[in-house]
Amino acid sequence: MAKFGLIGKNIDYSFSRKHFSEKFEKEKLPHTYENFDIETIEFFPKIIAETEALKGLNVTIPYKQEIIRFLDNLNEEAEKIGAVNTIKISEDKKLTGYNTDHFGFQKALEVFLPLQQKTALILGTGGASKAIAYALGNLGFHYKFVSRKSGSNTLKYSELNETIIENHLLIVNCTPLGTFPNRAECPGIPYQFLTKNHLLFDLIYNPTETEFLKRGRLQGAQTSNGLKMLVLQAEKAWEIWNS
């Protein structure tokens, strides 16, 4: 029997535990999957030291970048992205970090392509946004980040206007705004400038339609939540743990 789990903070809502528990039951595998809900990343070594038969972990908000300093190795893609959402644990407890977010996102996005322009806004600058940027780069998109602070290739929300929205046809929400139970929240973009040529992609999957997606739909935009991306990245993680 092997153990797997999720590292994160306030993760009772987690997709991963339900997904893998159902998978193990369906495929009659004698494995378990549990949430390791920690207040600070400093508790991570204790989990590794004290959890027997632990073979793999997923990592979620807010630890996808913080976790890296505790790992022994990073695969090439995770190193380029600068964020980890999957950890493989060897027999001698060596920890190797991977990123499957970019794989899940790219596969989920491809069904909506091509858009009229390969231009995107990435809302948020956390660990998930780095994987999204990597995937968009692979697909030949030109993108800008949007945050509360401006920087190189980063716009502030207050700078978004009609021209910027019209010239960026894919908008990806990588922030937690709108996650259950705070359904009324959404990123502060000028939704009135969205058109039928736009695609709004939200990494959130609960609720199924966030306020961000709802406002896009009402403007005629295509929309997608993060469920398919999560399923795809989870299956990629499973592949890594068993390789």
Protein backbone atom coordinates (compact mmCIF):
# COMPACT_ATOMS: atom_id res chain seq x y z
CA MET A 1 0.00 0.00 0.00
CA ALA A 2 1.22 3.49 -0.88
CA LYS A 3 0.16 6.84 0.49
CA PHE A 4 -0.35 10.01 -1.51
CA GLY A 5 -1.58 13.43 -0.49
CA LEU A 6 -2.01 17.16 -0.97
CA ILE A 7 0.03 19.93 0.67
CA GLY A 8 -1.79 23.23 1.03
CA LYS A 9 -3.62 25.63 3.32
CA ASN A 10 -7.40 25.62 3.90
CA ILE A 11 -7.86 22.71 1.49
CA ASP A 12 -11.02 21.00 2.74
CA TYR A 13 -12.62 21.82 -0.62
CA SER A 14 -9.83 19.95 -2.45
CA PHE A 15 -10.50 18.27 -5.79
CA SER A 16 -7.46 16.01 -5.48
CA ARG A 17 -8.51 13.91 -2.48
CA LYS A 18 -11.91 13.09 -4.00
CA HIS A 19 -10.40 12.42 -7.43
CA PHE A 20 -7.71 10.03 -6.24
CA SER A 21 -9.83 8.31 -3.58
CA GLU A 22 -12.44 7.52 -6.24
CA LYS A 23 -9.72 6.40 -8.66
CA PHE A 24 -8.20 4.02 -6.10
CA GLU A 25 -11.60 2.56 -5.29
CA LYS A 26 -12.61 2.15 -8.93
CA GLU A 27 -9.30 0.54 -9.92
CA LYS A 28 -9.19 -1.56 -6.72
CA LEU A 29 -5.83 -0.10 -5.67
CA PRO A 30 -4.88 -0.42 -1.99
CA HIS A 31 -3.67 3.20 -1.74
CA THR A 32 -4.81 6.17 0.32
CA TYR A 33 -4.83 9.91 -0.33
CA GLU A 34 -5.05 12.52 2.39
CA ASN A 35 -4.93 16.26 2.82
CA PHE A 36 -1.96 17.72 4.71
CA ASP A 37 -3.44 21.09 5.65
CA ILE A 38 -0.58 23.14 7.10
CA GLU A 39 -0.51 26.66 8.45
CA THR A 40 3.06 27.24 7.29
CA ILE A 41 5.44 25.47 4.90
CA GLU A 42 7.83 24.91 7.83
CA PHE A 43 5.68 21.89 8.80
CA PHE A 44 6.49 20.16 5.51
CA PRO A 45 9.66 18.28 6.64
CA LYS A 46 7.69 16.82 9.58
CA ILE A 47 5.15 15.32 7.15
CA ILE A 48 7.95 13.70 5.12
CA ALA A 49 9.68 12.37 8.23
CA GLU A 50 6.58 11.00 9.96
CA THR A 51 4.38 9.65 7.14
CA GLU A 52 5.21 6.06 6.29
CA ALA A 53 4.89 4.71 2.73
CA LEU A 54 4.44 8.21 1.27
CA LYS A 55 5.14 8.00 -2.46
CA GLY A 56 3.81 11.23 -3.93
CA LEU A 57 2.33 14.62 -3.15
CA ASN A 58 0.38 17.31 -4.93
CA VAL A 59 1.02 20.93 -3.91
CA THR A 60 -1.51 23.75 -4.03
CA ILE A 61 -2.00 27.36 -2.89
CA PRO A 62 -0.05 28.96 -1.30
CA TYR A 63 3.01 26.67 -1.37
CA LYS A 64 3.86 26.00 -5.04
CA GLN A 65 6.91 28.25 -4.90
CA GLU A 66 7.78 28.02 -1.20
CA ILE A 67 8.07 24.22 -1.37
CA ILE A 68 11.04 24.32 -3.77
CA ARG A 69 13.69 24.95 -1.10
CA PHE A 70 12.77 21.66 0.60
CA LEU A 71 13.26 19.52 -2.53
CA ASP A 72 16.33 17.56 -3.59
CA ASN A 73 15.75 17.89 -7.34
CA LEU A 74 13.58 19.73 -9.85
CA ASN A 75 12.74 18.41 -13.27
CA GLU A 76 13.59 20.73 -16.15
CA GLU A 77 10.09 22.12 -16.69
CA ALA A 78 9.47 22.83 -13.00
CA GLU A 79 12.80 24.63 -12.85
CA LYS A 80 11.90 26.81 -15.84
CA ILE A 81 8.43 27.56 -14.45
CA GLY A 82 9.64 28.23 -10.90
CA ALA A 83 6.71 26.43 -9.29
CA VAL A 84 5.96 22.85 -8.24
CA ASN A 85 2.60 21.12 -7.92
CA THR A 86 3.73 17.48 -7.91
CA ILE A 87 6.40 15.74 -5.83
CA LYS A 88 7.72 12.22 -6.38
CA ILE A 89 9.23 10.57 -3.31
CA SER A 90 11.85 7.86 -3.86
CA GLU A 91 12.52 4.83 -1.65
CA ASP A 92 15.30 6.75 0.13
CA LYS A 93 12.98 9.76 0.60
CA LYS A 94 14.60 11.93 -2.06
CA LEU A 95 12.09 14.55 -3.23
CA THR A 96 11.81 15.54 -6.90
CA GLY A 97 9.56 18.42 -7.93
CA TYR A 98 7.49 18.53 -11.12
CA ASN A 99 4.88 20.83 -12.59
CA THR A 100 1.82 19.28 -14.24
CA ASP A 101 -0.31 22.45 -14.17
CA HIS A 102 1.09 23.63 -17.50
CA PHE A 103 0.29 20.26 -19.11
CA GLY A 104 -3.31 20.26 -17.82
CA PHE A 105 -3.93 23.86 -18.82
CA GLN A 106 -2.46 23.49 -22.31
CA LYS A 107 -4.52 20.37 -23.06
CA ALA A 108 -7.71 21.95 -21.68
CA LEU A 109 -7.12 25.15 -23.67
CA GLU A 110 -6.40 23.48 -26.99
CA VAL A 111 -10.07 22.58 -27.62
CA PHE A 112 -10.86 26.33 -27.80
CA LEU A 113 -8.09 27.19 -30.27
CA PRO A 114 -7.45 28.95 -32.51
CA LEU A 115 -8.53 32.37 -31.23
CA GLN A 116 -8.41 35.33 -33.60
CA GLN A 117 -5.19 36.48 -31.92
CA LYS A 118 -2.63 34.70 -29.75
CA THR A 119 -2.81 37.34 -27.04
CA ALA A 120 -3.53 36.81 -23.34
CA LEU A 121 -3.82 38.45 -19.94
CA ILE A 122 -2.85 36.34 -16.92
CA LEU A 123 -4.60 37.57 -13.77
CA GLY A 124 -2.36 37.01 -10.74
CA THR A 125 1.35 36.38 -10.30
CA GLY A 126 1.45 33.35 -7.96
CA GLY A 127 2.73 29.84 -8.64
CA ALA A 128 -0.18 28.84 -10.88
CA SER A 129 0.29 31.88 -13.11
CA LYS A 130 3.87 30.83 -13.84
CA ALA A 131 2.69 27.48 -15.20
CA ILE A 132 0.04 29.21 -17.32
CA ALA A 133 2.68 31.57 -18.76
CA TYR A 134 4.91 28.60 -19.61
CA ALA A 135 2.06 26.83 -21.43
CA LEU A 136 1.10 29.99 -23.33
CA GLY A 137 4.72 30.45 -24.35
CA ASN A 138 4.71 26.88 -25.72
CA LEU A 139 1.62 27.75 -27.77
CA GLY A 140 3.17 30.95 -29.18
CA PHE A 141 0.99 33.40 -27.26
CA HIS A 142 2.01 36.94 -26.35
CA TYR A 143 0.88 37.57 -22.77
CA LYS A 144 0.98 40.07 -19.95
CA PHE A 145 0.43 39.52 -16.24
CA VAL A 146 -2.08 41.62 -14.33
CA SER A 147 -1.52 42.35 -10.65
CA ARG A 148 -2.06 45.00 -8.00
CA LYS A 149 1.50 46.17 -8.67
CA SER A 150 2.98 46.93 -12.06
CA GLY A 151 6.36 45.61 -13.19
CA SER A 152 8.12 44.25 -16.24
CA ASN A 153 5.43 42.64 -18.42
CA THR A 154 2.92 43.27 -15.60
CA LEU A 155 -0.03 45.66 -15.76
CA LYS A 156 -2.00 46.97 -12.81
CA TYR A 157 -5.75 46.29 -12.76
CA SER A 158 -6.32 50.05 -12.79
CA GLU A 159 -4.45 50.28 -16.12
CA LEU A 160 -6.82 47.94 -17.97
CA ASN A 161 -8.89 49.82 -20.56
CA GLU A 162 -10.92 49.08 -23.68
CA THR A 163 -7.88 48.89 -25.97
CA ILE A 164 -6.01 46.45 -23.73
CA ILE A 165 -9.06 44.20 -23.31
CA GLU A 166 -9.82 44.28 -27.05
CA ASN A 167 -6.21 43.33 -27.84
CA HIS A 168 -6.01 40.38 -25.42
CA LEU A 169 -8.53 37.72 -26.39
CA LEU A 170 -7.67 35.12 -23.74
CA ILE A 171 -8.01 36.10 -20.09
CA VAL A 172 -6.95 33.54 -17.48
CA ASN A 173 -7.88 33.95 -13.82
CA CYS A 174 -5.09 32.53 -11.63
CA THR A 175 -6.30 34.29 -8.47
CA PRO A 176 -8.51 32.62 -5.82
CA LEU A 177 -11.17 35.35 -6.23
CA GLY A 178 -14.59 33.75 -6.63
CA THR A 179 -13.76 30.42 -4.97
CA PHE A 180 -16.55 28.88 -2.86
CA PRO A 181 -17.85 30.15 -0.48
CA ASN A 182 -16.92 33.69 -1.65
CA ARG A 183 -18.85 33.35 -4.91
CA ALA A 184 -19.61 37.06 -5.35
CA GLU A 185 -15.94 38.01 -5.68
CA CYS A 186 -14.20 38.41 -9.03
CA PRO A 187 -11.08 40.06 -10.48
CA GLY A 188 -11.47 43.79 -11.12
CA ILE A 189 -11.30 43.94 -14.90
CA PRO A 190 -13.55 46.07 -17.17
CA TYR A 191 -15.92 43.28 -18.23
CA GLN A 192 -17.99 45.65 -20.39
CA PHE A 193 -15.27 45.54 -23.09
CA LEU A 194 -15.39 41.76 -23.54
CA THR A 195 -16.71 40.40 -26.85
CA LYS A 196 -17.70 37.12 -28.47
CA ASN A 197 -14.08 36.82 -29.65
CA HIS A 198 -12.84 36.50 -26.06
CA LEU A 199 -12.23 33.35 -24.03
CA LEU A 200 -12.27 33.56 -20.23
CA PHE A 201 -10.55 30.65 -18.51
CA ASP A 202 -10.81 30.32 -14.72
CA LEU A 203 -8.54 27.92 -12.83
CA ILE A 204 -11.27 27.73 -10.17
CA TYR A 205 -13.70 24.81 -10.47
CA ASN A 206 -15.93 25.38 -7.41
CA PRO A 207 -18.36 26.96 -8.15
CA THR A 208 -18.72 25.58 -11.68
CA GLU A 209 -19.41 29.09 -12.96
CA THR A 210 -17.59 31.81 -11.06
CA GLU A 211 -18.64 35.45 -11.14
CA PHE A 212 -15.68 36.04 -13.48
CA LEU A 213 -17.02 33.48 -15.97
CA LYS A 214 -20.62 34.61 -15.56
CA ARG A 215 -19.73 38.21 -16.42
CA GLY A 216 -17.80 36.99 -19.45
CA ARG A 217 -20.68 34.81 -20.62
CA LEU A 218 -23.11 37.72 -20.34
CA GLN A 219 -20.85 39.67 -22.73
CA GLY A 220 -20.92 36.79 -25.22
CA ALA A 221 -17.44 35.44 -24.46
CA GLN A 222 -16.55 31.75 -24.43
CA THR A 223 -15.82 30.47 -20.92
CA SER A 224 -14.14 27.50 -19.24
CA ASN A 225 -13.62 26.58 -15.61
CA GLY A 226 -10.62 24.68 -14.27
CA LEU A 227 -12.09 21.21 -13.83
CA LYS A 228 -10.77 19.61 -17.02
CA MET A 229 -7.34 21.12 -16.38
CA LEU A 230 -7.35 19.61 -12.87
CA VAL A 231 -8.29 16.15 -14.10
CA LEU A 232 -5.55 16.27 -16.74
CA GLN A 233 -2.86 17.51 -14.36
CA ALA A 234 -3.87 14.90 -11.76
CA GLU A 235 -3.55 12.08 -14.28
CA LYS A 236 -0.14 13.44 -15.32
CA ALA A 237 0.90 13.43 -11.64
CA TRP A 238 -0.21 9.80 -11.34
CA GLU A 239 1.91 8.96 -14.39
CA ILE A 240 4.94 10.61 -12.76
CA TRP A 241 4.45 8.82 -9.42
CA ASN A 242 4.35 5.49 -11.26
CA SER A 243 7.24 6.10 -13.66
